[in-house]
mmCIF file of all heavy atoms, coordinates in Angstrom:
data_MODEL
# 
_entry.id   MODEL 
# 
loop_
_atom_site.group_PDB 
_atom_site.id 
_atom_site.type_symbol 
_atom_site.label_atom_id 
_atom_site.label_alt_id 
_atom_site.label_comp_id 
_atom_site.label_asym_id 
_atom_site.label_entity_id 
_atom_site.label_seq_id 
_atom_site.pdbx_PDB_ins_code 
_atom_site.Cartn_x 
_atom_site.Cartn_y 
_atom_site.Cartn_z 
_atom_site.occupancy 
_atom_site.B_iso_or_equiv 
_atom_site.pdbx_formal_charge 
_atom_site.auth_seq_id 
_atom_site.auth_comp_id 
_atom_site.auth_asym_id 
_atom_site.auth_atom_id 
_atom_site.pdbx_PDB_model_num 
ATOM 1   N N   . THR A 1 1  ? 0.747  -1.199  -0.015 1.00 0.00 ? 1  THR A N   1 
ATOM 2   C CA  . THR A 1 1  ? 0.025  -0.003  0.004  1.00 0.00 ? 1  THR A CA  1 
ATOM 3   C C   . THR A 1 1  ? 0.817  1.255   0.004  1.00 0.00 ? 1  THR A C   1 
ATOM 4   O O   . THR A 1 1  ? 0.296  2.456   -0.410 1.00 0.00 ? 1  THR A O   1 
ATOM 5   C CB  . THR A 1 1  ? -0.938 0.031   1.161  1.00 0.00 ? 1  THR A CB  1 
ATOM 6   O OG1 . THR A 1 1  ? -0.157 -0.149  2.468  1.00 0.00 ? 1  THR A OG1 1 
ATOM 7   C CG2 . THR A 1 1  ? -1.919 -1.121  1.101  1.00 0.00 ? 1  THR A CG2 1 
ATOM 8   N N   . VAL A 1 2  ? 2.065  1.275   0.543  1.00 0.00 ? 2  VAL A N   1 
ATOM 9   C CA  . VAL A 1 2  ? 2.780  2.464   0.553  1.00 0.00 ? 2  VAL A CA  1 
ATOM 10  C C   . VAL A 1 2  ? 3.155  2.901   -0.845 1.00 0.00 ? 2  VAL A C   1 
ATOM 11  O O   . VAL A 1 2  ? 3.576  2.151   -1.659 1.00 0.00 ? 2  VAL A O   1 
ATOM 12  C CB  . VAL A 1 2  ? 4.074  2.245   1.306  1.00 0.00 ? 2  VAL A CB  1 
ATOM 13  C CG1 . VAL A 1 2  ? 5.090  3.493   1.182  1.00 0.00 ? 2  VAL A CG1 1 
ATOM 14  C CG2 . VAL A 1 2  ? 3.828  2.024   2.755  1.00 0.00 ? 2  VAL A CG2 1 
ATOM 15  N N   . ARG A 1 3  ? 2.987  4.231   -1.088 1.00 0.00 ? 3  ARG A N   1 
ATOM 16  C CA  . ARG A 1 3  ? 3.091  4.781   -2.525 1.00 0.00 ? 3  ARG A CA  1 
ATOM 17  C C   . ARG A 1 3  ? 4.363  5.725   -2.532 1.00 0.00 ? 3  ARG A C   1 
ATOM 18  O O   . ARG A 1 3  ? 4.902  6.077   -3.668 1.00 0.00 ? 3  ARG A O   1 
ATOM 19  C CB  . ARG A 1 3  ? 1.787  5.548   -2.839 1.00 0.00 ? 3  ARG A CB  1 
ATOM 20  C CG  . ARG A 1 3  ? 0.679  4.788   -3.107 1.00 0.00 ? 3  ARG A CG  1 
ATOM 21  C CD  . ARG A 1 3  ? 0.847  3.807   -4.308 1.00 0.00 ? 3  ARG A CD  1 
ATOM 22  N NE  . ARG A 1 3  ? -0.243 2.968   -4.438 1.00 0.00 ? 3  ARG A NE  1 
ATOM 23  C CZ  . ARG A 1 3  ? -0.257 1.618   -4.066 1.00 0.00 ? 3  ARG A CZ  1 
ATOM 24  N NH1 . ARG A 1 3  ? 0.812  1.024   -3.409 1.00 0.00 ? 3  ARG A NH1 1 
ATOM 25  N NH2 . ARG A 1 3  ? -1.357 0.748   -4.318 1.00 0.00 ? 3  ARG A NH2 1 
ATOM 26  N N   . SER A 1 4  ? 4.950  6.019   -1.384 1.00 0.00 ? 4  SER A N   1 
ATOM 27  C CA  . SER A 1 4  ? 6.191  6.775   -1.379 1.00 0.00 ? 4  SER A CA  1 
ATOM 28  C C   . SER A 1 4  ? 7.317  5.790   -1.346 1.00 0.00 ? 4  SER A C   1 
ATOM 29  O O   . SER A 1 4  ? 7.695  5.058   -2.349 1.00 0.00 ? 4  SER A O   1 
ATOM 30  C CB  . SER A 1 4  ? 6.122  7.731   -0.112 1.00 0.00 ? 4  SER A CB  1 
ATOM 31  O OG  . SER A 1 4  ? 5.896  6.979   1.087  1.00 0.00 ? 4  SER A OG  1 
ATOM 32  N N   . HIS A 1 5  ? 7.940  5.537   -0.274 1.00 0.00 ? 5  HIS A N   1 
ATOM 33  C CA  . HIS A 1 5  ? 8.904  4.563   -0.085 1.00 0.00 ? 5  HIS A CA  1 
ATOM 34  C C   . HIS A 1 5  ? 8.869  3.951   1.361  1.00 0.00 ? 5  HIS A C   1 
ATOM 35  O O   . HIS A 1 5  ? 8.521  4.687   2.228  1.00 0.00 ? 5  HIS A O   1 
ATOM 36  C CB  . HIS A 1 5  ? 10.352 5.020   -0.383 1.00 0.00 ? 5  HIS A CB  1 
ATOM 37  C CG  . HIS A 1 5  ? 10.944 6.028   0.485  1.00 0.00 ? 5  HIS A CG  1 
ATOM 38  N ND1 . HIS A 1 5  ? 11.134 7.374   0.069  1.00 0.00 ? 5  HIS A ND1 1 
ATOM 39  C CD2 . HIS A 1 5  ? 11.452 6.000   1.670  1.00 0.00 ? 5  HIS A CD2 1 
ATOM 40  C CE1 . HIS A 1 5  ? 11.627 8.098   0.992  1.00 0.00 ? 5  HIS A CE1 1 
ATOM 41  N NE2 . HIS A 1 5  ? 11.868 7.260   2.056  1.00 0.00 ? 5  HIS A NE2 1 
ATOM 42  N N   . LEU A 1 6  ? 9.119  2.686   1.453  1.00 0.00 ? 6  LEU A N   1 
ATOM 43  C CA  . LEU A 1 6  ? 9.111  2.020   2.731  1.00 0.00 ? 6  LEU A CA  1 
ATOM 44  C C   . LEU A 1 6  ? 10.468 1.638   3.146  1.00 0.00 ? 6  LEU A C   1 
ATOM 45  O O   . LEU A 1 6  ? 11.309 1.025   2.514  1.00 0.00 ? 6  LEU A O   1 
ATOM 46  C CB  . LEU A 1 6  ? 8.366  0.674   2.481  1.00 0.00 ? 6  LEU A CB  1 
ATOM 47  C CG  . LEU A 1 6  ? 8.193  -0.124  3.834  1.00 0.00 ? 6  LEU A CG  1 
ATOM 48  C CD1 . LEU A 1 6  ? 7.388  0.451   4.735  1.00 0.00 ? 6  LEU A CD1 1 
ATOM 49  C CD2 . LEU A 1 6  ? 7.407  -1.521  3.443  1.00 0.00 ? 6  LEU A CD2 1 
ATOM 50  N N   . ASN A 1 7  ? 10.868 2.131   4.273  1.00 0.00 ? 7  ASN A N   1 
ATOM 51  C CA  . ASN A 1 7  ? 12.142 1.939   5.060  1.00 0.00 ? 7  ASN A CA  1 
ATOM 52  C C   . ASN A 1 7  ? 11.969 1.078   6.168  1.00 0.00 ? 7  ASN A C   1 
ATOM 53  O O   . ASN A 1 7  ? 11.254 1.325   7.118  1.00 0.00 ? 7  ASN A O   1 
ATOM 54  C CB  . ASN A 1 7  ? 12.680 3.363   5.469  1.00 0.00 ? 7  ASN A CB  1 
ATOM 55  C CG  . ASN A 1 7  ? 13.889 3.289   6.428  1.00 0.00 ? 7  ASN A CG  1 
ATOM 56  O OD1 . ASN A 1 7  ? 14.597 2.335   6.359  1.00 0.00 ? 7  ASN A OD1 1 
ATOM 57  N ND2 . ASN A 1 7  ? 14.013 4.255   7.360  1.00 0.00 ? 7  ASN A ND2 1 
ATOM 58  N N   . LEU A 1 8  ? 12.567 -0.132  6.174  1.00 0.00 ? 8  LEU A N   1 
ATOM 59  C CA  . LEU A 1 8  ? 12.561 -1.078  7.202  1.00 0.00 ? 8  LEU A CA  1 
ATOM 60  C C   . LEU A 1 8  ? 13.721 -1.030  8.011  1.00 0.00 ? 8  LEU A C   1 
ATOM 61  O O   . LEU A 1 8  ? 14.812 -1.363  7.725  1.00 0.00 ? 8  LEU A O   1 
ATOM 62  C CB  . LEU A 1 8  ? 12.358 -2.483  6.512  1.00 0.00 ? 8  LEU A CB  1 
ATOM 63  C CG  . LEU A 1 8  ? 12.511 -3.690  7.582  1.00 0.00 ? 8  LEU A CG  1 
ATOM 64  C CD1 . LEU A 1 8  ? 11.291 -3.576  8.616  1.00 0.00 ? 8  LEU A CD1 1 
ATOM 65  C CD2 . LEU A 1 8  ? 12.453 -4.945  6.724  1.00 0.00 ? 8  LEU A CD2 1 
ATOM 66  N N   . GLU A 1 9  ? 13.469 -0.670  9.307  1.00 0.00 ? 9  GLU A N   1 
ATOM 67  C CA  . GLU A 1 9  ? 14.564 -0.666  10.338 1.00 0.00 ? 9  GLU A CA  1 
ATOM 68  C C   . GLU A 1 9  ? 14.553 -1.926  10.932 1.00 0.00 ? 9  GLU A C   1 
ATOM 69  O O   . GLU A 1 9  ? 13.471 -2.591  11.244 1.00 0.00 ? 9  GLU A O   1 
ATOM 70  C CB  . GLU A 1 9  ? 14.289 0.363   11.401 1.00 0.00 ? 9  GLU A CB  1 
ATOM 71  C CG  . GLU A 1 9  ? 14.293 1.802   10.992 1.00 0.00 ? 9  GLU A CG  1 
ATOM 72  C CD  . GLU A 1 9  ? 14.105 2.775   12.106 1.00 0.00 ? 9  GLU A CD  1 
ATOM 73  O OE1 . GLU A 1 9  ? 13.595 2.459   13.051 1.00 0.00 ? 9  GLU A OE1 1 
ATOM 74  O OE2 . GLU A 1 9  ? 14.482 4.163   11.827 1.00 0.00 ? 9  GLU A OE2 1 
ATOM 75  N N   . MET A 1 10 ? 15.781 -2.542  11.114 1.00 0.00 ? 10 MET A N   1 
ATOM 76  C CA  . MET A 1 10 ? 15.875 -3.911  11.659 1.00 0.00 ? 10 MET A CA  1 
ATOM 77  C C   . MET A 1 10 ? 17.199 -4.177  12.244 1.00 0.00 ? 10 MET A C   1 
ATOM 78  O O   . MET A 1 10 ? 18.293 -3.468  11.873 1.00 0.00 ? 10 MET A O   1 
ATOM 79  C CB  . MET A 1 10 ? 15.530 -4.890  10.582 1.00 0.00 ? 10 MET A CB  1 
ATOM 80  C CG  . MET A 1 10 ? 16.529 -4.945  9.400  1.00 0.00 ? 10 MET A CG  1 
ATOM 81  S SD  . MET A 1 10 ? 15.969 -6.140  8.190  1.00 0.00 ? 10 MET A SD  1 
ATOM 82  C CE  . MET A 1 10 ? 17.783 -6.754  7.597  1.00 0.00 ? 10 MET A CE  1 
ATOM 83  N N   . ALA A 1 11 ? 17.409 -5.169  13.041 1.00 0.00 ? 11 ALA A N   1 
ATOM 84  C CA  . ALA A 1 11 ? 18.653 -5.654  13.604 1.00 0.00 ? 11 ALA A CA  1 
ATOM 85  C C   . ALA A 1 11 ? 19.262 -6.485  12.403 1.00 0.00 ? 11 ALA A C   1 
ATOM 86  O O   . ALA A 1 11 ? 18.560 -7.024  11.551 1.00 0.00 ? 11 ALA A O   1 
ATOM 87  C CB  . ALA A 1 11 ? 18.493 -6.562  14.894 1.00 0.00 ? 11 ALA A CB  1 
ATOM 88  N N   . ALA A 1 12 ? 20.622 -6.592  12.544 1.00 0.00 ? 12 ALA A N   1 
ATOM 89  C CA  . ALA A 1 12 ? 21.395 -7.360  11.457 1.00 0.00 ? 12 ALA A CA  1 
ATOM 90  C C   . ALA A 1 12 ? 21.437 -8.845  11.832 1.00 0.00 ? 12 ALA A C   1 
ATOM 91  O O   . ALA A 1 12 ? 22.499 -9.389  12.153 1.00 0.00 ? 12 ALA A O   1 
ATOM 92  C CB  . ALA A 1 12 ? 22.704 -6.728  11.334 1.00 0.00 ? 12 ALA A CB  1 
ATOM 93  N N   . THR A 1 13 ? 20.200 -9.426  11.839 1.00 0.00 ? 13 THR A N   1 
ATOM 94  C CA  . THR A 1 13 ? 20.148 -10.920 12.197 1.00 0.00 ? 13 THR A CA  1 
ATOM 95  C C   . THR A 1 13 ? 19.824 -11.639 11.036 1.00 0.00 ? 13 THR A C   1 
ATOM 96  O O   . THR A 1 13 ? 19.053 -11.220 10.033 1.00 0.00 ? 13 THR A O   1 
ATOM 97  C CB  . THR A 1 13 ? 19.173 -11.070 13.351 1.00 0.00 ? 13 THR A CB  1 
ATOM 98  O OG1 . THR A 1 13 ? 17.878 -10.832 13.013 1.00 0.00 ? 13 THR A OG1 1 
ATOM 99  C CG2 . THR A 1 13 ? 19.492 -10.304 14.599 1.00 0.00 ? 13 THR A CG2 1 
ATOM 100 N N   . PRO A 1 14 ? 20.016 -13.068 11.035 1.00 0.00 ? 14 PRO A N   1 
ATOM 101 C CA  . PRO A 1 14 ? 19.692 -13.908 9.826  1.00 0.00 ? 14 PRO A CA  1 
ATOM 102 C C   . PRO A 1 14 ? 18.093 -13.822 9.659  1.00 0.00 ? 14 PRO A C   1 
ATOM 103 O O   . PRO A 1 14 ? 17.710 -13.860 8.516  1.00 0.00 ? 14 PRO A O   1 
ATOM 104 C CB  . PRO A 1 14 ? 20.147 -15.324 10.285 1.00 0.00 ? 14 PRO A CB  1 
ATOM 105 C CG  . PRO A 1 14 ? 21.329 -15.026 11.101 1.00 0.00 ? 14 PRO A CG  1 
ATOM 106 C CD  . PRO A 1 14 ? 21.029 -13.794 11.862 1.00 0.00 ? 14 PRO A CD  1 
ATOM 107 N N   . GLU A 1 15 ? 17.284 -13.894 10.777 1.00 0.00 ? 15 GLU A N   1 
ATOM 108 C CA  . GLU A 1 15 ? 15.941 -13.847 10.690 1.00 0.00 ? 15 GLU A CA  1 
ATOM 109 C C   . GLU A 1 15 ? 15.410 -12.681 9.971  1.00 0.00 ? 15 GLU A C   1 
ATOM 110 O O   . GLU A 1 15 ? 14.541 -12.656 9.003  1.00 0.00 ? 15 GLU A O   1 
ATOM 111 C CB  . GLU A 1 15 ? 15.135 -13.868 11.998 1.00 0.00 ? 15 GLU A CB  1 
ATOM 112 C CG  . GLU A 1 15 ? 13.666 -13.711 11.880 1.00 0.00 ? 15 GLU A CG  1 
ATOM 113 C CD  . GLU A 1 15 ? 13.001 -13.450 13.313 1.00 0.00 ? 15 GLU A CD  1 
ATOM 114 O OE1 . GLU A 1 15 ? 13.809 -12.821 14.170 1.00 0.00 ? 15 GLU A OE1 1 
ATOM 115 O OE2 . GLU A 1 15 ? 11.798 -13.716 13.440 1.00 0.00 ? 15 GLU A OE2 1 
ATOM 116 N N   . MET A 1 16 ? 15.934 -11.385 10.243 1.00 0.00 ? 16 MET A N   1 
ATOM 117 C CA  . MET A 1 16 ? 15.537 -10.190 9.738  1.00 0.00 ? 16 MET A CA  1 
ATOM 118 C C   . MET A 1 16 ? 15.956 -9.956  8.260  1.00 0.00 ? 16 MET A C   1 
ATOM 119 O O   . MET A 1 16 ? 15.209 -9.463  7.446  1.00 0.00 ? 16 MET A O   1 
ATOM 120 C CB  . MET A 1 16 ? 16.026 -9.001  10.557 1.00 0.00 ? 16 MET A CB  1 
ATOM 121 C CG  . MET A 1 16 ? 15.365 -8.829  11.836 1.00 0.00 ? 16 MET A CG  1 
ATOM 122 S SD  . MET A 1 16 ? 13.576 -8.636  11.852 1.00 0.00 ? 16 MET A SD  1 
ATOM 123 C CE  . MET A 1 16 ? 13.019 -9.125  13.438 1.00 0.00 ? 16 MET A CE  1 
ATOM 124 N N   . VAL A 1 17 ? 17.136 -10.418 8.045  1.00 0.00 ? 17 VAL A N   1 
ATOM 125 C CA  . VAL A 1 17 ? 17.711 -10.523 6.589  1.00 0.00 ? 17 VAL A CA  1 
ATOM 126 C C   . VAL A 1 17 ? 16.787 -11.273 5.691  1.00 0.00 ? 17 VAL A C   1 
ATOM 127 O O   . VAL A 1 17 ? 16.430 -10.899 4.568  1.00 0.00 ? 17 VAL A O   1 
ATOM 128 C CB  . VAL A 1 17 ? 19.145 -11.013 6.515  1.00 0.00 ? 17 VAL A CB  1 
ATOM 129 C CG1 . VAL A 1 17 ? 19.573 -11.326 5.088  1.00 0.00 ? 17 VAL A CG1 1 
ATOM 130 C CG2 . VAL A 1 17 ? 20.132 -10.086 7.226  1.00 0.00 ? 17 VAL A CG2 1 
ATOM 131 N N   . ALA A 1 18 ? 16.294 -12.429 6.131  1.00 0.00 ? 18 ALA A N   1 
ATOM 132 C CA  . ALA A 1 18 ? 15.460 -13.422 5.436  1.00 0.00 ? 18 ALA A CA  1 
ATOM 133 C C   . ALA A 1 18 ? 14.001 -12.611 5.180  1.00 0.00 ? 18 ALA A C   1 
ATOM 134 O O   . ALA A 1 18 ? 13.531 -12.696 4.073  1.00 0.00 ? 18 ALA A O   1 
ATOM 135 C CB  . ALA A 1 18 ? 15.179 -14.680 6.143  1.00 0.00 ? 18 ALA A CB  1 
ATOM 136 N N   . ILE A 1 19 ? 13.537 -11.928 6.150  1.00 0.00 ? 19 ILE A N   1 
ATOM 137 C CA  . ILE A 1 19 ? 12.266 -11.205 5.991  1.00 0.00 ? 19 ILE A CA  1 
ATOM 138 C C   . ILE A 1 19 ? 12.521 -10.040 5.086  1.00 0.00 ? 19 ILE A C   1 
ATOM 139 O O   . ILE A 1 19 ? 11.558 -9.858  4.142  1.00 0.00 ? 19 ILE A O   1 
ATOM 140 C CB  . ILE A 1 19 ? 11.790 -10.737 7.380  1.00 0.00 ? 19 ILE A CB  1 
ATOM 141 C CG1 . ILE A 1 19 ? 11.330 -11.729 8.339  1.00 0.00 ? 19 ILE A CG1 1 
ATOM 142 C CG2 . ILE A 1 19 ? 10.680 -9.619  7.203  1.00 0.00 ? 19 ILE A CG2 1 
ATOM 143 C CD1 . ILE A 1 19 ? 11.082 -11.344 9.720  1.00 0.00 ? 19 ILE A CD1 1 
ATOM 144 N N   . ALA A 1 20 ? 13.560 -9.352  5.091  1.00 0.00 ? 20 ALA A N   1 
ATOM 145 C CA  . ALA A 1 20 ? 13.862 -8.240  4.208  1.00 0.00 ? 20 ALA A CA  1 
ATOM 146 C C   . ALA A 1 20 ? 13.852 -8.717  2.699  1.00 0.00 ? 20 ALA A C   1 
ATOM 147 O O   . ALA A 1 20 ? 13.291 -8.117  1.723  1.00 0.00 ? 20 ALA A O   1 
ATOM 148 C CB  . ALA A 1 20 ? 15.134 -7.465  4.530  1.00 0.00 ? 20 ALA A CB  1 
ATOM 149 N N   . LEU A 1 21 ? 14.560 -9.884  2.552  1.00 0.00 ? 21 LEU A N   1 
ATOM 150 C CA  . LEU A 1 21 ? 14.839 -10.474 1.256  1.00 0.00 ? 21 LEU A CA  1 
ATOM 151 C C   . LEU A 1 21 ? 13.490 -10.875 0.577  1.00 0.00 ? 21 LEU A C   1 
ATOM 152 O O   . LEU A 1 21 ? 13.246 -10.801 -0.551 1.00 0.00 ? 21 LEU A O   1 
ATOM 153 C CB  . LEU A 1 21 ? 15.721 -11.577 1.234  1.00 0.00 ? 21 LEU A CB  1 
ATOM 154 C CG  . LEU A 1 21 ? 17.214 -11.164 1.454  1.00 0.00 ? 21 LEU A CG  1 
ATOM 155 C CD1 . LEU A 1 21 ? 18.001 -12.444 1.604  1.00 0.00 ? 21 LEU A CD1 1 
ATOM 156 C CD2 . LEU A 1 21 ? 17.804 -10.309 0.343  1.00 0.00 ? 21 LEU A CD2 1 
ATOM 157 N N   . ASP A 1 22 ? 12.570 -11.267 1.591  1.00 0.00 ? 22 ASP A N   1 
ATOM 158 C CA  . ASP A 1 22 ? 11.190 -11.744 1.037  1.00 0.00 ? 22 ASP A CA  1 
ATOM 159 C C   . ASP A 1 22 ? 10.323 -10.524 0.742  1.00 0.00 ? 22 ASP A C   1 
ATOM 160 O O   . ASP A 1 22 ? 9.613  -10.553 -0.323 1.00 0.00 ? 22 ASP A O   1 
ATOM 161 C CB  . ASP A 1 22 ? 10.581 -12.620 2.191  1.00 0.00 ? 22 ASP A CB  1 
ATOM 162 C CG  . ASP A 1 22 ? 9.264  -13.099 1.809  1.00 0.00 ? 22 ASP A CG  1 
ATOM 163 O OD1 . ASP A 1 22 ? 8.960  -13.451 0.652  1.00 0.00 ? 22 ASP A OD1 1 
ATOM 164 O OD2 . ASP A 1 22 ? 8.262  -13.074 2.653  1.00 0.00 ? 22 ASP A OD2 1 
ATOM 165 N N   . LEU A 1 23 ? 10.268 -9.498  1.568  1.00 0.00 ? 23 LEU A N   1 
ATOM 166 C CA  . LEU A 1 23 ? 9.446  -8.479  1.449  1.00 0.00 ? 23 LEU A CA  1 
ATOM 167 C C   . LEU A 1 23 ? 9.825  -7.338  0.511  1.00 0.00 ? 23 LEU A C   1 
ATOM 168 O O   . LEU A 1 23 ? 9.178  -6.543  -0.039 1.00 0.00 ? 23 LEU A O   1 
ATOM 169 C CB  . LEU A 1 23 ? 9.109  -7.776  2.817  1.00 0.00 ? 23 LEU A CB  1 
ATOM 170 C CG  . LEU A 1 23 ? 8.235  -8.701  3.722  1.00 0.00 ? 23 LEU A CG  1 
ATOM 171 C CD1 . LEU A 1 23 ? 7.972  -8.212  5.074  1.00 0.00 ? 23 LEU A CD1 1 
ATOM 172 C CD2 . LEU A 1 23 ? 6.860  -8.933  3.102  1.00 0.00 ? 23 LEU A CD2 1 
ATOM 173 N N   . ARG A 1 24 ? 11.271 -7.267  0.396  1.00 0.00 ? 24 ARG A N   1 
ATOM 174 C CA  . ARG A 1 24 ? 11.962 -6.301  -0.491 1.00 0.00 ? 24 ARG A CA  1 
ATOM 175 C C   . ARG A 1 24 ? 11.373 -4.775  -0.156 1.00 0.00 ? 24 ARG A C   1 
ATOM 176 O O   . ARG A 1 24 ? 10.757 -4.114  -1.055 1.00 0.00 ? 24 ARG A O   1 
ATOM 177 C CB  . ARG A 1 24 ? 11.642 -6.677  -2.004 1.00 0.00 ? 24 ARG A CB  1 
ATOM 178 C CG  . ARG A 1 24 ? 12.113 -7.938  -2.227 1.00 0.00 ? 24 ARG A CG  1 
ATOM 179 C CD  . ARG A 1 24 ? 12.184 -8.289  -3.714 1.00 0.00 ? 24 ARG A CD  1 
ATOM 180 N NE  . ARG A 1 24 ? 13.151 -7.472  -4.415 1.00 0.00 ? 24 ARG A NE  1 
ATOM 181 C CZ  . ARG A 1 24 ? 14.445 -7.742  -4.406 1.00 0.00 ? 24 ARG A CZ  1 
ATOM 182 N NH1 . ARG A 1 24 ? 15.020 -8.774  -3.864 1.00 0.00 ? 24 ARG A NH1 1 
ATOM 183 N NH2 . ARG A 1 24 ? 15.317 -6.905  -5.030 1.00 0.00 ? 24 ARG A NH2 1 
ATOM 184 N N   . PRO A 1 25 ? 11.658 -4.165  0.904  1.00 0.00 ? 25 PRO A N   1 
ATOM 185 C CA  . PRO A 1 25 ? 11.392 -2.755  1.162  1.00 0.00 ? 25 PRO A CA  1 
ATOM 186 C C   . PRO A 1 25 ? 12.280 -1.977  0.217  1.00 0.00 ? 25 PRO A C   1 
ATOM 187 O O   . PRO A 1 25 ? 13.167 -2.455  -0.404 1.00 0.00 ? 25 PRO A O   1 
ATOM 188 C CB  . PRO A 1 25 ? 11.809 -2.556  2.561  1.00 0.00 ? 25 PRO A CB  1 
ATOM 189 C CG  . PRO A 1 25 ? 12.894 -3.602  2.838  1.00 0.00 ? 25 PRO A CG  1 
ATOM 190 C CD  . PRO A 1 25 ? 12.413 -4.812  2.088  1.00 0.00 ? 25 PRO A CD  1 
ATOM 191 N N   . ASP A 1 26 ? 11.993 -0.641  0.137  1.00 0.00 ? 26 ASP A N   1 
ATOM 192 C CA  . ASP A 1 26 ? 12.639 0.295   -0.700 1.00 0.00 ? 26 ASP A CA  1 
ATOM 193 C C   . ASP A 1 26 ? 14.121 0.423   -0.234 1.00 0.00 ? 26 ASP A C   1 
ATOM 194 O O   . ASP A 1 26 ? 15.033 0.608   -0.957 1.00 0.00 ? 26 ASP A O   1 
ATOM 195 C CB  . ASP A 1 26 ? 11.926 1.554   -0.874 1.00 0.00 ? 26 ASP A CB  1 
ATOM 196 C CG  . ASP A 1 26 ? 10.634 1.372   -1.635 1.00 0.00 ? 26 ASP A CG  1 
ATOM 197 O OD1 . ASP A 1 26 ? 10.718 0.884   -2.817 1.00 0.00 ? 26 ASP A OD1 1 
ATOM 198 O OD2 . ASP A 1 26 ? 9.660  1.504   -0.944 1.00 0.00 ? 26 ASP A OD2 1 
ATOM 199 N N   . TYR A 1 27 ? 14.308 0.402   1.148  1.00 0.00 ? 27 TYR A N   1 
ATOM 200 C CA  . TYR A 1 27 ? 15.716 0.278   1.657  1.00 0.00 ? 27 TYR A CA  1 
ATOM 201 C C   . TYR A 1 27 ? 15.616 -0.144  3.027  1.00 0.00 ? 27 TYR A C   1 
ATOM 202 O O   . TYR A 1 27 ? 14.415 -0.150  3.645  1.00 0.00 ? 27 TYR A O   1 
ATOM 203 C CB  . TYR A 1 27 ? 16.426 1.596   1.505  1.00 0.00 ? 27 TYR A CB  1 
ATOM 204 C CG  . TYR A 1 27 ? 16.083 2.748   2.335  1.00 0.00 ? 27 TYR A CG  1 
ATOM 205 C CD1 . TYR A 1 27 ? 16.741 2.958   3.477  1.00 0.00 ? 27 TYR A CD1 1 
ATOM 206 C CD2 . TYR A 1 27 ? 15.178 3.723   1.862  1.00 0.00 ? 27 TYR A CD2 1 
ATOM 207 C CE1 . TYR A 1 27 ? 16.362 4.212   4.247  1.00 0.00 ? 27 TYR A CE1 1 
ATOM 208 C CE2 . TYR A 1 27 ? 14.844 4.804   2.582  1.00 0.00 ? 27 TYR A CE2 1 
ATOM 209 C CZ  . TYR A 1 27 ? 15.505 5.072   3.779  1.00 0.00 ? 27 TYR A CZ  1 
ATOM 210 O OH  . TYR A 1 27 ? 15.216 6.202   4.494  1.00 0.00 ? 27 TYR A OH  1 
ATOM 211 N N   . VAL A 1 28 ? 16.638 -0.730  3.623  1.00 0.00 ? 28 VAL A N   1 
ATOM 212 C CA  . VAL A 1 28 ? 16.779 -1.171  4.994  1.00 0.00 ? 28 VAL A CA  1 
ATOM 213 C C   . VAL A 1 28 ? 17.643 -0.315  5.734  1.00 0.00 ? 28 VAL A C   1 
ATOM 214 O O   . VAL A 1 28 ? 18.744 0.106   5.209  1.00 0.00 ? 28 VAL A O   1 
ATOM 215 C CB  . VAL A 1 28 ? 17.301 -2.597  4.958  1.00 0.00 ? 28 VAL A CB  1 
ATOM 216 C CG1 . VAL A 1 28 ? 17.860 -3.050  6.264  1.00 0.00 ? 28 VAL A CG1 1 
ATOM 217 C CG2 . VAL A 1 28 ? 16.116 -3.631  4.548  1.00 0.00 ? 28 VAL A CG2 1 
# 
């Protein structure tokens, strides 16, 4: 739904990396 850009803040853990790779935010 976001029409601007989506910035995902997260810890540098394997779980979060996997989520980011799946969801593909505009940047992390």
